């Protein structure tokens, strides 16, 4: 079980590539100065978006196993105790 929320710094064309040995889902969330948020899907872990000056960008990476995992917070198993292990290649922004 696990997720990472990574604030990104910078503006312009942001390109992200997430690779993992397990099934993960990655999304870029971009918040405009008006408060509106747009989400950029990253199929296969690859995505890009243009971030305007004054916008906030966040990369979200979530563990998404193929089969439903039953979760009991009082009795963790090896399946629920695994973190999110991935590699991120990023251009156009910094973390």
N, C-alpha and C. Protein backbone atom coordinates (compact mmCIF):
# COMPACT_ATOMS: atom_id res chain seq x y z
N UNK A 1 0.86 -1.15 0.00
CA UNK A 1 0.00 0.00 0.00
C UNK A 1 0.91 1.22 0.00
N UNK A 2 0.58 2.20 -0.75
CA UNK A 2 1.40 3.39 -0.70
C UNK A 2 1.07 4.37 -1.79
N UNK A 3 1.45 5.59 -1.53
CA UNK A 3 1.29 6.67 -2.49
C UNK A 3 2.30 7.76 -2.17
N UNK A 4 2.72 8.46 -3.20
CA UNK A 4 3.59 9.62 -3.03
C UNK A 4 2.94 10.82 -3.69
N UNK A 5 3.00 11.95 -3.02
CA UNK A 5 2.54 13.22 -3.56
C UNK A 5 3.76 14.12 -3.61
N UNK A 6 4.19 14.46 -4.83
CA UNK A 6 5.46 15.17 -5.01
C UNK A 6 5.21 16.54 -5.61
N UNK A 7 5.36 17.62 -4.82
CA UNK A 7 5.22 18.98 -5.38
C UNK A 7 6.37 19.24 -6.37
N UNK A 8 6.05 19.83 -7.51
CA UNK A 8 7.05 20.16 -8.51
C UNK A 8 7.25 21.67 -8.57
N UNK A 9 8.48 22.07 -8.86
CA UNK A 9 8.81 23.49 -8.97
C UNK A 9 9.18 23.79 -10.42
N UNK A 10 8.71 24.91 -10.91
CA UNK A 10 9.04 25.33 -12.25
C UNK A 10 7.81 25.52 -13.10
N UNK A 11 8.01 26.14 -14.26
CA UNK A 11 6.93 26.37 -15.21
C UNK A 11 7.45 26.03 -16.60
N UNK A 12 6.53 25.81 -17.50
CA UNK A 12 6.90 25.43 -18.86
C UNK A 12 6.44 24.01 -19.15
N UNK A 13 7.10 23.37 -20.10
CA UNK A 13 6.74 22.01 -20.49
C UNK A 13 7.37 21.02 -19.51
N UNK A 14 6.54 20.32 -18.78
CA UNK A 14 6.98 19.32 -17.79
C UNK A 14 6.74 17.94 -18.38
N UNK A 15 7.79 17.12 -18.39
CA UNK A 15 7.71 15.75 -18.90
C UNK A 15 8.11 14.82 -17.76
N UNK A 16 7.26 13.81 -17.48
CA UNK A 16 7.54 12.86 -16.41
C UNK A 16 7.41 11.44 -16.95
N UNK A 17 8.32 10.57 -16.48
CA UNK A 17 8.30 9.16 -16.84
C UNK A 17 8.51 8.37 -15.56
N UNK A 18 7.51 7.57 -15.18
CA UNK A 18 7.57 6.75 -13.98
C UNK A 18 7.66 5.29 -14.40
N UNK A 19 8.69 4.59 -13.92
CA UNK A 19 8.83 3.15 -14.17
C UNK A 19 8.87 2.44 -12.84
N UNK A 20 8.21 1.28 -12.80
CA UNK A 20 8.13 0.52 -11.55
C UNK A 20 8.08 -0.97 -11.86
N UNK A 21 8.50 -1.78 -10.89
CA UNK A 21 8.44 -3.22 -11.03
C UNK A 21 7.06 -3.76 -10.71
N UNK A 22 6.22 -2.94 -10.09
CA UNK A 22 4.86 -3.34 -9.76
C UNK A 22 3.89 -2.37 -10.44
N UNK A 23 2.62 -2.63 -10.28
CA UNK A 23 1.61 -1.80 -10.93
C UNK A 23 1.40 -0.50 -10.15
N UNK A 24 1.70 0.62 -10.81
CA UNK A 24 1.46 1.94 -10.21
C UNK A 24 0.68 2.79 -11.20
N UNK A 25 0.00 3.80 -10.69
CA UNK A 25 -0.70 4.77 -11.51
C UNK A 25 -0.14 6.15 -11.17
N UNK A 26 0.20 6.91 -12.22
CA UNK A 26 0.75 8.25 -12.02
C UNK A 26 -0.14 9.28 -12.68
N UNK A 27 -0.26 10.43 -12.04
CA UNK A 27 -1.08 11.54 -12.55
C UNK A 27 -0.39 12.86 -12.21
N UNK A 28 -0.44 13.79 -13.14
CA UNK A 28 0.00 15.16 -12.86
C UNK A 28 -1.25 15.96 -12.51
N UNK A 29 -1.22 16.66 -11.38
CA UNK A 29 -2.31 17.55 -10.98
C UNK A 29 -1.76 18.97 -11.03
N UNK A 30 -2.47 19.84 -11.71
CA UNK A 30 -2.02 21.22 -11.88
C UNK A 30 -3.11 22.17 -11.41
N UNK A 31 -2.77 23.00 -10.43
CA UNK A 31 -3.72 23.95 -9.84
C UNK A 31 -3.43 25.35 -10.37
N UNK A 32 -4.44 25.94 -10.98
CA UNK A 32 -4.33 27.30 -11.51
C UNK A 32 -4.48 28.31 -10.38
N UNK A 33 -4.10 29.54 -10.63
CA UNK A 33 -4.23 30.61 -9.64
C UNK A 33 -5.68 30.80 -9.22
N UNK A 34 -6.63 30.48 -10.11
CA UNK A 34 -8.06 30.62 -9.80
C UNK A 34 -8.56 29.54 -8.85
N UNK A 35 -7.74 28.50 -8.64
CA UNK A 35 -8.14 27.39 -7.78
C UNK A 35 -8.62 26.18 -8.56
N UNK A 36 -8.86 26.34 -9.86
CA UNK A 36 -9.27 25.21 -10.69
C UNK A 36 -8.10 24.22 -10.83
N UNK A 37 -8.43 22.94 -10.81
CA UNK A 37 -7.40 21.90 -10.93
C UNK A 37 -7.67 21.08 -12.18
N UNK A 38 -6.61 20.82 -12.92
CA UNK A 38 -6.73 19.90 -14.06
C UNK A 38 -5.80 18.71 -13.81
N UNK A 39 -6.23 17.56 -14.31
CA UNK A 39 -5.49 16.32 -14.10
C UNK A 39 -5.01 15.80 -15.44
N UNK A 40 -3.75 15.41 -15.50
CA UNK A 40 -3.16 14.89 -16.72
C UNK A 40 -2.85 13.41 -16.49
N UNK A 41 -3.56 12.53 -17.21
CA UNK A 41 -3.29 11.10 -17.10
C UNK A 41 -1.90 10.79 -17.64
N UNK A 42 -1.28 9.76 -17.08
CA UNK A 42 0.03 9.34 -17.52
C UNK A 42 -0.02 7.85 -17.86
N UNK A 43 -0.62 7.49 -19.01
CA UNK A 43 -0.71 6.09 -19.37
C UNK A 43 0.68 5.47 -19.52
N UNK A 44 0.86 4.30 -18.94
CA UNK A 44 2.17 3.65 -18.99
C UNK A 44 3.22 4.39 -18.18
N UNK A 45 2.81 5.35 -17.36
CA UNK A 45 3.75 6.12 -16.54
C UNK A 45 4.35 7.31 -17.23
N UNK A 46 3.92 7.59 -18.48
CA UNK A 46 4.48 8.71 -19.24
C UNK A 46 3.45 9.82 -19.40
N UNK A 47 3.90 11.06 -19.20
CA UNK A 47 2.99 12.17 -19.38
C UNK A 47 3.73 13.49 -19.50
N UNK A 48 3.04 14.46 -20.04
CA UNK A 48 3.61 15.80 -20.15
C UNK A 48 2.49 16.82 -20.07
N UNK A 49 2.83 18.00 -19.59
CA UNK A 49 1.86 19.08 -19.48
C UNK A 49 2.61 20.40 -19.49
N UNK A 50 1.91 21.42 -19.90
CA UNK A 50 2.47 22.77 -19.83
C UNK A 50 1.95 23.42 -18.56
N UNK A 51 2.90 23.87 -17.74
CA UNK A 51 2.57 24.53 -16.47
C UNK A 51 2.86 26.01 -16.63
N UNK A 52 1.82 26.82 -16.49
CA UNK A 52 1.97 28.27 -16.65
C UNK A 52 2.57 28.88 -15.38
N UNK A 53 3.15 30.04 -15.52
CA UNK A 53 3.67 30.77 -14.38
C UNK A 53 2.53 31.04 -13.41
N UNK A 54 2.74 30.77 -12.14
CA UNK A 54 1.71 30.98 -11.13
C UNK A 54 0.88 29.74 -10.85
N UNK A 55 1.04 28.69 -11.65
CA UNK A 55 0.34 27.44 -11.39
C UNK A 55 1.20 26.54 -10.50
N UNK A 56 0.54 25.64 -9.77
CA UNK A 56 1.23 24.66 -8.93
C UNK A 56 1.05 23.29 -9.55
N UNK A 57 2.15 22.54 -9.69
CA UNK A 57 2.08 21.19 -10.26
C UNK A 57 2.49 20.17 -9.20
N UNK A 58 1.79 19.05 -9.21
CA UNK A 58 2.06 17.96 -8.26
C UNK A 58 2.02 16.66 -9.04
N UNK A 59 2.98 15.79 -8.79
CA UNK A 59 2.98 14.44 -9.35
C UNK A 59 2.50 13.49 -8.27
N UNK A 60 1.50 12.67 -8.60
CA UNK A 60 0.96 11.70 -7.66
C UNK A 60 1.24 10.31 -8.22
N UNK A 61 1.90 9.45 -7.42
CA UNK A 61 2.20 8.07 -7.81
C UNK A 61 1.57 7.16 -6.76
N UNK A 62 0.72 6.24 -7.21
CA UNK A 62 -0.04 5.40 -6.30
C UNK A 62 0.15 3.93 -6.66
N UNK A 63 0.34 3.10 -5.65
CA UNK A 63 0.39 1.65 -5.83
C UNK A 63 -1.01 1.16 -6.19
N UNK A 64 -1.15 0.50 -7.35
CA UNK A 64 -2.46 0.02 -7.80
C UNK A 64 -2.36 -1.44 -8.22
N UNK A 65 -2.37 -2.35 -7.25
CA UNK A 65 -2.24 -3.77 -7.59
C UNK A 65 -3.43 -4.26 -8.43
N UNK A 66 -3.18 -5.29 -9.23
CA UNK A 66 -4.21 -5.83 -10.13
C UNK A 66 -5.37 -6.44 -9.36
N UNK A 67 -5.08 -7.03 -8.20
CA UNK A 67 -6.12 -7.66 -7.39
C UNK A 67 -6.37 -6.86 -6.12
N UNK A 68 -7.63 -6.83 -5.71
CA UNK A 68 -8.01 -6.11 -4.50
C UNK A 68 -7.28 -6.70 -3.30
N UNK A 69 -6.72 -5.84 -2.47
CA UNK A 69 -6.01 -6.25 -1.26
C UNK A 69 -6.86 -5.84 -0.07
N UNK A 70 -7.26 -6.81 0.75
CA UNK A 70 -8.01 -6.49 1.95
C UNK A 70 -7.06 -5.90 2.97
N UNK A 71 -7.48 -4.83 3.60
CA UNK A 71 -6.61 -4.08 4.49
C UNK A 71 -7.18 -4.04 5.90
N UNK A 72 -6.38 -4.51 6.85
CA UNK A 72 -6.71 -4.41 8.26
C UNK A 72 -5.57 -3.66 8.92
N UNK A 73 -5.78 -2.41 9.34
CA UNK A 73 -4.68 -1.60 9.88
C UNK A 73 -4.09 -2.17 11.16
N UNK A 74 -4.77 -3.11 11.78
CA UNK A 74 -4.26 -3.70 13.02
C UNK A 74 -3.53 -5.02 12.78
N UNK A 75 -3.54 -5.49 11.54
CA UNK A 75 -2.88 -6.75 11.21
C UNK A 75 -2.32 -6.66 9.80
N UNK A 76 -1.15 -6.01 9.66
CA UNK A 76 -0.55 -5.82 8.36
C UNK A 76 0.08 -7.12 7.87
N UNK A 77 -0.06 -7.35 6.57
CA UNK A 77 0.55 -8.52 5.94
C UNK A 77 1.69 -8.05 5.06
N UNK A 78 2.46 -8.98 4.51
CA UNK A 78 3.55 -8.59 3.61
C UNK A 78 2.99 -7.88 2.38
N UNK A 79 1.79 -8.25 1.97
CA UNK A 79 1.15 -7.61 0.82
C UNK A 79 0.77 -6.16 1.09
N UNK A 80 0.31 -5.86 2.30
CA UNK A 80 -0.09 -4.49 2.63
C UNK A 80 1.06 -3.65 3.17
N UNK A 81 2.17 -4.29 3.48
CA UNK A 81 3.30 -3.58 4.08
C UNK A 81 4.33 -3.15 3.03
N UNK A 82 4.07 -3.42 1.75
CA UNK A 82 4.98 -3.01 0.69
C UNK A 82 4.76 -1.54 0.34
N UNK A 83 5.84 -0.84 0.17
CA UNK A 83 5.75 0.56 -0.24
C UNK A 83 5.68 0.68 -1.75
N UNK A 84 5.76 1.89 -2.24
CA UNK A 84 5.76 2.15 -3.67
C UNK A 84 7.22 2.32 -4.09
N UNK A 85 7.70 1.43 -4.95
CA UNK A 85 9.09 1.47 -5.41
C UNK A 85 9.08 1.78 -6.90
N UNK A 86 9.62 2.93 -7.28
CA UNK A 86 9.61 3.35 -8.67
C UNK A 86 10.77 4.29 -8.95
N UNK A 87 11.00 4.53 -10.23
CA UNK A 87 12.01 5.48 -10.68
C UNK A 87 11.31 6.59 -11.44
N UNK A 88 11.72 7.83 -11.19
CA UNK A 88 11.13 8.98 -11.85
C UNK A 88 12.19 9.70 -12.68
N UNK A 89 11.87 9.92 -13.96
CA UNK A 89 12.67 10.78 -14.81
C UNK A 89 11.82 12.01 -15.06
N UNK A 90 12.39 13.18 -14.80
CA UNK A 90 11.62 14.43 -14.85
C UNK A 90 12.42 15.49 -15.60
N UNK A 91 11.76 16.19 -16.51
CA UNK A 91 12.40 17.33 -17.15
C UNK A 91 11.40 18.49 -17.18
N UNK A 92 11.93 19.69 -17.15
CA UNK A 92 11.09 20.88 -17.17
C UNK A 92 10.64 21.34 -15.80
N UNK A 93 10.99 20.58 -14.75
CA UNK A 93 10.64 20.94 -13.38
C UNK A 93 11.63 20.26 -12.45
N UNK A 94 11.62 20.69 -11.20
CA UNK A 94 12.44 20.05 -10.16
C UNK A 94 11.53 19.68 -8.99
N UNK A 95 12.04 18.81 -8.14
CA UNK A 95 11.27 18.41 -6.94
C UNK A 95 11.79 19.13 -5.73
